[in-house]
PDB file of N, CA and C in Angstrom:
ATOM      1  N   MET A   1      -0.811  10.395  10.479  1.00  0.00           N
ATOM      2  CA  MET A   1      -0.283   9.629   9.968  1.00  0.00           C
ATOM      3  C   MET A   1      -0.112   9.303   8.417  1.00  0.00           C
ATOM      4  N   ASN A   2       1.033   8.998   8.020  1.00  0.00           N
ATOM      5  CA  ASN A   2       1.348   8.972   6.486  1.00  0.00           C
ATOM      6  C   ASN A   2       1.184   7.842   6.016  1.00  0.00           C
ATOM      7  N   VAL A   3       0.146   7.472   5.336  1.00  0.00           N
ATOM      8  CA  VAL A   3       0.010   6.175   4.796  1.00  0.00           C
ATOM      9  C   VAL A   3       0.147   6.232   3.221  1.00  0.00           C
ATOM     10  N   LYS A   4       1.027   5.367   2.929  1.00  0.00           N
ATOM     11  CA  LYS A   4       1.203   5.450   1.326  1.00  0.00           C
ATOM     12  C   LYS A   4       1.101   3.927   0.707  1.00  0.00           C
ATOM     13  N   ILE A   5       0.329   3.705  -0.359  1.00  0.00           N
ATOM     14  CA  ILE A   5      -0.008   2.417  -0.844  1.00  0.00           C
ATOM     15  C   ILE A   5       0.827   2.219  -2.294  1.00  0.00           C
ATOM     16  N   PHE A   6       1.527   1.513  -2.596  1.00  0.00           N
ATOM     17  CA  PHE A   6       2.379   1.008  -3.777  1.00  0.00           C
ATOM     18  C   PHE A   6       1.590   0.022  -4.527  1.00  0.00           C
ATOM     19  N   SER A   7       0.925   0.447  -5.739  1.00  0.00           N
ATOM     20  CA  SER A   7       0.037  -0.460  -6.338  1.00  0.00           C
ATOM     21  C   SER A   7       0.695  -0.475  -7.747  1.00  0.00           C
ATOM     22  N   LYS A   8      -0.497  -1.161  -8.528  1.00  0.00           N
ATOM     23  CA  LYS A   8      -0.177  -1.306  -9.958  1.00  0.00           C
ATOM     24  C   LYS A   8      -1.614  -1.490 -10.789  1.00  0.00           C
ATOM     25  N   ASN A   9      -1.815  -1.389 -11.662  1.00  0.00           N
ATOM     26  CA  ASN A   9      -3.054  -1.566 -12.558  1.00  0.00           C
ATOM     27  C   ASN A   9      -3.433  -2.959 -12.644  1.00  0.00           C
ATOM     28  N   ASN A  10      -4.882  -3.183 -12.318  1.00  0.00           N
ATOM     29  CA  ASN A  10      -5.238  -4.601 -12.545  1.00  0.00           C
ATOM     30  C   ASN A  10      -4.737  -5.332 -11.515  1.00  0.00           C
ATOM     31  N   CYS A  11      -4.611  -5.064 -10.197  1.00  0.00           N
ATOM     32  CA  CYS A  11      -3.967  -5.668  -9.022  1.00  0.00           C
ATOM     33  C   CYS A  11      -5.502  -5.706  -8.175  1.00  0.00           C
ATOM     34  N   MET A  12      -5.955  -6.868  -8.130  1.00  0.00           N
ATOM     35  CA  MET A  12      -7.187  -7.183  -7.150  1.00  0.00           C
ATOM     36  C   MET A  12      -6.959  -6.694  -5.770  1.00  0.00           C
ATOM     37  N   GLN A  13      -5.706  -7.267  -5.133  1.00  0.00           N
ATOM     38  CA  GLN A  13      -5.235  -7.010  -3.804  1.00  0.00           C
ATOM     39  C   GLN A  13      -5.086  -5.462  -3.664  1.00  0.00           C
ATOM     40  N   CYS A  14      -4.441  -4.927  -4.528  1.00  0.00           N
ATOM     41  CA  CYS A  14      -4.517  -3.526  -4.411  1.00  0.00           C
ATOM     42  C   CYS A  14      -5.931  -2.731  -4.246  1.00  0.00           C
ATOM     43  N   LYS A  15      -6.811  -2.995  -5.322  1.00  0.00           N
ATOM     44  CA  LYS A  15      -8.006  -2.663  -5.056  1.00  0.00           C
ATOM     45  C   LYS A  15      -8.626  -2.872  -3.706  1.00  0.00           C
ATOM     46  N   MET A  16      -8.640  -3.886  -3.200  1.00  0.00           N
ATOM     47  CA  MET A  16      -9.212  -4.337  -1.757  1.00  0.00           C
ATOM     48  C   MET A  16      -8.822  -3.609  -0.723  1.00  0.00           C
ATOM     49  N   VAL A  17      -7.267  -3.393  -0.954  1.00  0.00           N
ATOM     50  CA  VAL A  17      -6.673  -2.532   0.411  1.00  0.00           C
ATOM     51  C   VAL A  17      -7.143  -1.102   0.084  1.00  0.00           C
ATOM     52  N   LYS A  18      -7.124  -0.504  -1.260  1.00  0.00           N
ATOM     53  CA  LYS A  18      -7.740   1.009  -1.327  1.00  0.00           C
ATOM     54  C   LYS A  18      -9.132   0.939  -0.524  1.00  0.00           C
ATOM     55  N   ARG A  19      -9.877   0.085  -0.982  1.00  0.00           N
ATOM     56  CA  ARG A  19     -11.301   0.052  -0.575  1.00  0.00           C
ATOM     57  C   ARG A  19     -11.368  -0.086   0.900  1.00  0.00           C
ATOM     58  N   PHE A  20     -10.306  -0.845   1.354  1.00  0.00           N
ATOM     59  CA  PHE A  20     -10.574  -1.143   3.036  1.00  0.00           C
ATOM     60  C   PHE A  20     -10.181   0.244   3.473  1.00  0.00           C
ATOM     61  N   LEU A  21      -9.014   0.776   2.997  1.00  0.00           N
ATOM     62  CA  LEU A  21      -8.539   2.095   3.851  1.00  0.00           C
ATOM     63  C   LEU A  21      -9.708   3.254   3.613  1.00  0.00           C
ATOM     64  N   ALA A  22     -10.254   3.391   2.443  1.00  0.00           N
ATOM     65  CA  ALA A  22     -11.223   4.307   2.329  1.00  0.00           C
ATOM     66  C   ALA A  22     -12.726   4.038   3.297  1.00  0.00           C
ATOM     67  N   ASP A  23     -12.869   2.604   3.354  1.00  0.00           N
ATOM     68  CA  ASP A  23     -14.105   2.408   4.241  1.00  0.00           C
ATOM     69  C   ASP A  23     -13.904   2.626   5.448  1.00  0.00           C
ATOM     70  N   ASN A  24     -12.680   2.876   5.931  1.00  0.00           N
ATOM     71  CA  ASN A  24     -12.249   2.804   7.451  1.00  0.00           C
ATOM     72  C   ASN A  24     -11.555   4.264   7.622  1.00  0.00           C
ATOM     73  N   GLN A  25     -12.036   5.189   6.582  1.00  0.00           N
ATOM     74  CA  GLN A  25     -11.475   6.760   6.862  1.00  0.00           C
ATOM     75  C   GLN A  25     -10.003   6.888   7.088  1.00  0.00           C
ATOM     76  N   ILE A  26      -9.262   6.032   6.444  1.00  0.00           N
ATOM     77  CA  ILE A  26      -7.781   6.097   6.546  1.00  0.00           C
ATOM     78  C   ILE A  26      -6.998   6.839   5.346  1.00  0.00           C
ATOM     79  N   GLU A  27      -6.827   8.047   5.543  1.00  0.00           N
ATOM     80  CA  GLU A  27      -6.213   8.699   4.215  1.00  0.00           C
ATOM     81  C   GLU A  27      -4.922   8.149   3.849  1.00  0.00           C
ATOM     82  N   PHE A  28      -4.557   7.942   2.546  1.00  0.00           N
ATOM     83  CA  PHE A  28      -3.541   7.638   1.930  1.00  0.00           C
ATOM     84  C   PHE A  28      -3.186   8.138   0.486  1.00  0.00           C
ATOM     85  N   GLU A  29      -1.716   7.853   0.317  1.00  0.00           N
ATOM     86  CA  GLU A  29      -1.407   8.437  -1.178  1.00  0.00           C
ATOM     87  C   GLU A  29      -1.093   7.155  -1.791  1.00  0.00           C
ATOM     88  N   GLU A  30      -1.220   7.105  -2.880  1.00  0.00           N
ATOM     89  CA  GLU A  30      -1.065   6.067  -3.909  1.00  0.00           C
ATOM     90  C   GLU A  30      -0.030   6.378  -4.667  1.00  0.00           C
ATOM     91  N   VAL A  31       0.803   5.251  -4.945  1.00  0.00           N
ATOM     92  CA  VAL A  31       2.168   5.342  -5.868  1.00  0.00           C
ATOM     93  C   VAL A  31       1.800   4.268  -6.714  1.00  0.00           C
ATOM     94  N   ASN A  32       1.166   4.562  -7.962  1.00  0.00           N
ATOM     95  CA  ASN A  32       0.926   3.409  -8.848  1.00  0.00           C
ATOM     96  C   ASN A  32       2.273   3.316  -9.615  1.00  0.00           C
ATOM     97  N   ILE A  33       2.780   2.018  -9.385  1.00  0.00           N
ATOM     98  CA  ILE A  33       4.057   1.562 -10.351  1.00  0.00           C
ATOM     99  C   ILE A  33       4.175   1.415 -11.779  1.00  0.00           C
ATOM    100  N   ASP A  34       2.901   1.359 -12.379  1.00  0.00           N
ATOM    101  CA  ASP A  34       2.689   1.425 -13.773  1.00  0.00           C
ATOM    102  C   ASP A  34       2.887   2.884 -14.205  1.00  0.00           C
ATOM    103  N   GLU A  35       2.502   3.808 -13.657  1.00  0.00           N
ATOM    104  CA  GLU A  35       2.589   5.400 -13.962  1.00  0.00           C
ATOM    105  C   GLU A  35       3.647   5.899 -13.400  1.00  0.00           C
ATOM    106  N   GLN A  36       4.370   5.230 -12.403  1.00  0.00           N
ATOM    107  CA  GLN A  36       5.448   5.784 -11.619  1.00  0.00           C
ATOM    108  C   GLN A  36       6.803   4.651 -11.541  1.00  0.00           C
ATOM    109  N   PRO A  37       7.331   4.370 -12.690  1.00  0.00           N
ATOM    110  CA  PRO A  37       8.232   3.121 -12.653  1.00  0.00           C
ATOM    111  C   PRO A  37       9.397   3.311 -11.883  1.00  0.00           C
ATOM    112  N   GLU A  38       9.672   4.542 -11.526  1.00  0.00           N
ATOM    113  CA  GLU A  38      10.957   4.718 -10.730  1.00  0.00           C
ATOM    114  C   GLU A  38      10.495   4.115  -9.354  1.00  0.00           C
ATOM    115  N   ALA A  39       9.520   3.949  -9.130  1.00  0.00           N
ATOM    116  CA  ALA A  39       9.162   3.520  -7.597  1.00  0.00           C
ATOM    117  C   ALA A  39       9.564   2.133  -7.335  1.00  0.00           C
ATOM    118  N   ILE A  40       9.483   1.356  -8.670  1.00  0.00           N
ATOM    119  CA  ILE A  40       9.936   0.023  -8.357  1.00  0.00           C
ATOM    120  C   ILE A  40      11.372  -0.180  -8.033  1.00  0.00           C
ATOM    121  N   ASP A  41      12.247   0.869  -8.521  1.00  0.00           N
ATOM    122  CA  ASP A  41      13.543   0.581  -7.986  1.00  0.00           C
ATOM    123  C   ASP A  41      13.656   0.711  -6.354  1.00  0.00           C
ATOM    124  N   TRP A  42      12.988   1.824  -5.734  1.00  0.00           N
ATOM    125  CA  TRP A  42      12.779   1.820  -4.261  1.00  0.00           C
ATOM    126  C   TRP A  42      12.243   0.644  -3.764  1.00  0.00           C
ATOM    127  N   LEU A  43      10.938  -0.019  -4.137  1.00  0.00           N
ATOM    128  CA  LEU A  43      10.749  -0.870  -3.502  1.00  0.00           C
ATOM    129  C   LEU A  43      11.568  -2.387  -3.753  1.00  0.00           C
ATOM    130  N   LYS A  44      12.206  -2.529  -4.657  1.00  0.00           N
ATOM    131  CA  LYS A  44      13.084  -3.625  -4.907  1.00  0.00           C
ATOM    132  C   LYS A  44      14.408  -3.511  -3.903  1.00  0.00           C
ATOM    133  N   ALA A  45      15.007  -2.000  -3.614  1.00  0.00           N
ATOM    134  CA  ALA A  45      15.795  -1.798  -2.725  1.00  0.00           C
ATOM    135  C   ALA A  45      15.444  -2.073  -1.564  1.00  0.00           C
ATOM    136  N   GLN A  46      14.245  -2.105  -0.999  1.00  0.00           N
ATOM    137  CA  GLN A  46      13.771  -2.302   0.478  1.00  0.00           C
ATOM    138  C   GLN A  46      13.167  -3.814   0.250  1.00  0.00           C
ATOM    139  N   GLY A  47      13.572  -4.650  -0.590  1.00  0.00           N
ATOM    140  CA  GLY A  47      13.553  -6.153  -0.359  1.00  0.00           C
ATOM    141  C   GLY A  47      12.102  -6.625  -0.748  1.00  0.00           C
ATOM    142  N   PHE A  48      11.208  -5.538  -1.298  1.00  0.00           N
ATOM    143  CA  PHE A  48       9.990  -6.000  -1.782  1.00  0.00           C
ATOM    144  C   PHE A  48       9.679  -6.485  -3.159  1.00  0.00           C
ATOM    145  N   GLN A  49       9.022  -7.678  -3.345  1.00  0.00           N
ATOM    146  CA  GLN A  49       8.810  -8.160  -4.615  1.00  0.00           C
ATOM    147  C   GLN A  49       7.602  -8.146  -5.499  1.00  0.00           C
ATOM    148  N   SER A  50       6.366  -7.726  -4.600  1.00  0.00           N
ATOM    149  CA  SER A  50       5.270  -7.732  -4.845  1.00  0.00           C
ATOM    150  C   SER A  50       4.529  -6.561  -4.442  1.00  0.00           C
ATOM    151  N   VAL A  51       3.378  -6.289  -4.975  1.00  0.00           N
ATOM    152  CA  VAL A  51       2.507  -5.050  -4.526  1.00  0.00           C
ATOM    153  C   VAL A  51       1.004  -5.795  -4.209  1.00  0.00           C
ATOM    154  N   PRO A  52       0.221  -5.076  -3.377  1.00  0.00           N
ATOM    155  CA  PRO A  52       0.586  -3.998  -2.885  1.00  0.00           C
ATOM    156  C   PRO A  52       1.372  -4.148  -1.526  1.00  0.00           C
ATOM    157  N   VAL A  53       2.214  -2.932  -1.453  1.00  0.00           N
ATOM    158  CA  VAL A  53       2.818  -2.635  -0.197  1.00  0.00           C
ATOM    159  C   VAL A  53       2.473  -1.165   0.398  1.00  0.00           C
ATOM    160  N   ILE A  54       1.792  -1.325   1.710  1.00  0.00           N
ATOM    161  CA  ILE A  54       1.275  -0.001   2.357  1.00  0.00           C
ATOM    162  C   ILE A  54       2.552  -0.073   3.463  1.00  0.00           C
ATOM    163  N   THR A  55       3.035   1.545   3.556  1.00  0.00           N
ATOM    164  CA  THR A  55       3.887   1.801   4.551  1.00  0.00           C
ATOM    165  C   THR A  55       2.947   2.875   5.284  1.00  0.00           C
ATOM    166  N   SER A  56       3.479   3.072   6.423  1.00  0.00           N
ATOM    167  CA  SER A  56       3.077   4.109   7.381  1.00  0.00           C
ATOM    168  C   SER A  56       4.183   4.537   8.396  1.00  0.00           C
ATOM    169  N   ASP A  57       4.308   5.600   9.061  1.00  0.00           N
ATOM    170  CA  ASP A  57       5.197   5.905  10.163  1.00  0.00           C
ATOM    171  C   ASP A  57       5.089   4.429  11.072  1.00  0.00           C
ATOM    172  N   ALA A  58       4.124   4.051  11.138  1.00  0.00           N
ATOM    173  CA  ALA A  58       4.337   2.926  12.450  1.00  0.00           C
ATOM    174  C   ALA A  58       4.638   1.384  12.027  1.00  0.00           C
ATOM    175  N   ALA A  59       4.006   1.193  10.472  1.00  0.00           N
ATOM    176  CA  ALA A  59       4.297  -0.070   9.867  1.00  0.00           C
ATOM    177  C   ALA A  59       4.306  -0.208   8.753  1.00  0.00           C
ATOM    178  N   THR A  60       4.769  -1.290   8.299  1.00  0.00           N
ATOM    179  CA  THR A  60       4.634  -1.649   6.537  1.00  0.00           C
ATOM    180  C   THR A  60       3.900  -3.088   6.664  1.00  0.00           C
ATOM    181  N   VAL A  61       3.069  -2.936   5.807  1.00  0.00           N
ATOM    182  CA  VAL A  61       1.843  -4.110   5.453  1.00  0.00           C
ATOM    183  C   VAL A  61       2.076  -4.385   4.151  1.00  0.00           C
ATOM    184  N   ILE A  62       2.078  -5.770   3.711  1.00  0.00           N
ATOM    185  CA  ILE A  62       2.455  -6.391   2.582  1.00  0.00           C
ATOM    186  C   ILE A  62       1.168  -7.089   2.097  1.00  0.00           C
ATOM    187  N   GLY A  63       0.591  -6.899   0.792  1.00  0.00           N
ATOM    188  CA  GLY A  63      -0.604  -7.684   0.643  1.00  0.00           C
ATOM    189  C   GLY A  63      -1.855  -7.235   1.521  1.00  0.00           C
ATOM    190  N   PHE A  64      -3.063  -7.917   1.092  1.00  0.00           N
ATOM    191  CA  PHE A  64      -4.464  -7.337   1.455  1.00  0.00           C
ATOM    192  C   PHE A  64      -4.444  -8.250   3.144  1.00  0.00           C
ATOM    193  N   ARG A  65      -4.083  -7.592   4.181  1.00  0.00           N
ATOM    194  CA  ARG A  65      -4.125  -8.012   5.381  1.00  0.00           C
ATOM    195  C   ARG A  65      -5.023  -6.960   6.433  1.00  0.00           C
ATOM    196  N   PRO A  66      -6.257  -7.222   6.414  1.00  0.00           N
ATOM    197  CA  PRO A  66      -7.190  -6.588   7.273  1.00  0.00           C
ATOM    198  C   PRO A  66      -6.829  -6.553   8.539  1.00  0.00           C
ATOM    199  N   ASP A  67      -6.354  -7.433   9.211  1.00  0.00           N
ATOM    200  CA  ASP A  67      -5.881  -7.257  10.631  1.00  0.00           C
ATOM    201  C   ASP A  67      -4.586  -6.459  11.115  1.00  0.00           C
ATOM    202  N   GLN A  68      -3.723  -6.251   9.857  1.00  0.00           N
ATOM    203  CA  GLN A  68      -2.593  -5.605   9.909  1.00  0.00           C
ATOM    204  C   GLN A  68      -3.148  -4.036   9.666  1.00  0.00           C
ATOM    205  N   LEU A  69      -4.044  -3.966   8.617  1.00  0.00           N
ATOM    206  CA  LEU A  69      -4.469  -2.636   8.031  1.00  0.00           C
ATOM    207  C   LEU A  69      -5.323  -1.851   9.126  1.00  0.00           C
ATOM    208  N   ARG A  70      -6.090  -2.313   9.860  1.00  0.00           N
ATOM    209  CA  ARG A  70      -6.825  -2.091  10.986  1.00  0.00           C
ATOM    210  C   ARG A  70      -5.733  -1.030  11.784  1.00  0.00           C
ATOM    211  N   ASN A  71      -4.591  -1.528  12.388  1.00  0.00           N
ATOM    212  CA  ASN A  71      -3.769  -0.965  13.069  1.00  0.00           C
ATOM    213  C   ASN A  71      -3.286   0.488  12.683  1.00  0.00           C
ATOM    214  N   LEU A  72      -3.553   0.572  11.198  1.00  0.00           N
ATOM    215  CA  LEU A  72      -3.130   1.743  10.642  1.00  0.00           C
ATOM    216  C   LEU A  72      -4.082   2.927  11.137  1.00  0.00           C
ATOM    217  N   ALA A  73      -5.091   2.681  11.406  1.00  0.00           N
ATOM    218  CA  ALA A  73      -6.293   3.527  11.831  1.00  0.00           C
ATOM    219  C   ALA A  73      -6.079   4.035  13.237  1.00  0.00           C
ATOM    220  N   SER A  74      -5.373   3.750  14.048  1.00  0.00           N
ATOM    221  CA  SER A  74      -5.287   3.973  15.437  1.00  0.00           C
ATOM    222  C   SER A  74      -3.997   4.914  15.718  1.00  0.00           C
TER     223      SER A  74
END
């Protein structure tokens, strides 16, 4: 499964999501919008207004939602 997290520096929820994914052996690719500002346009075009945004083939999760993030592991 292709999991991608859009995050930014100094974002506590982003850190919590990355820790949760790592603790549950869910591989992910990180896109830091502070380092890759071009990703902001894509996020806005999709209707997202804040990070973290976690996308996968199966679902999109906004924020730190362990109940929904667990589904990415299956």
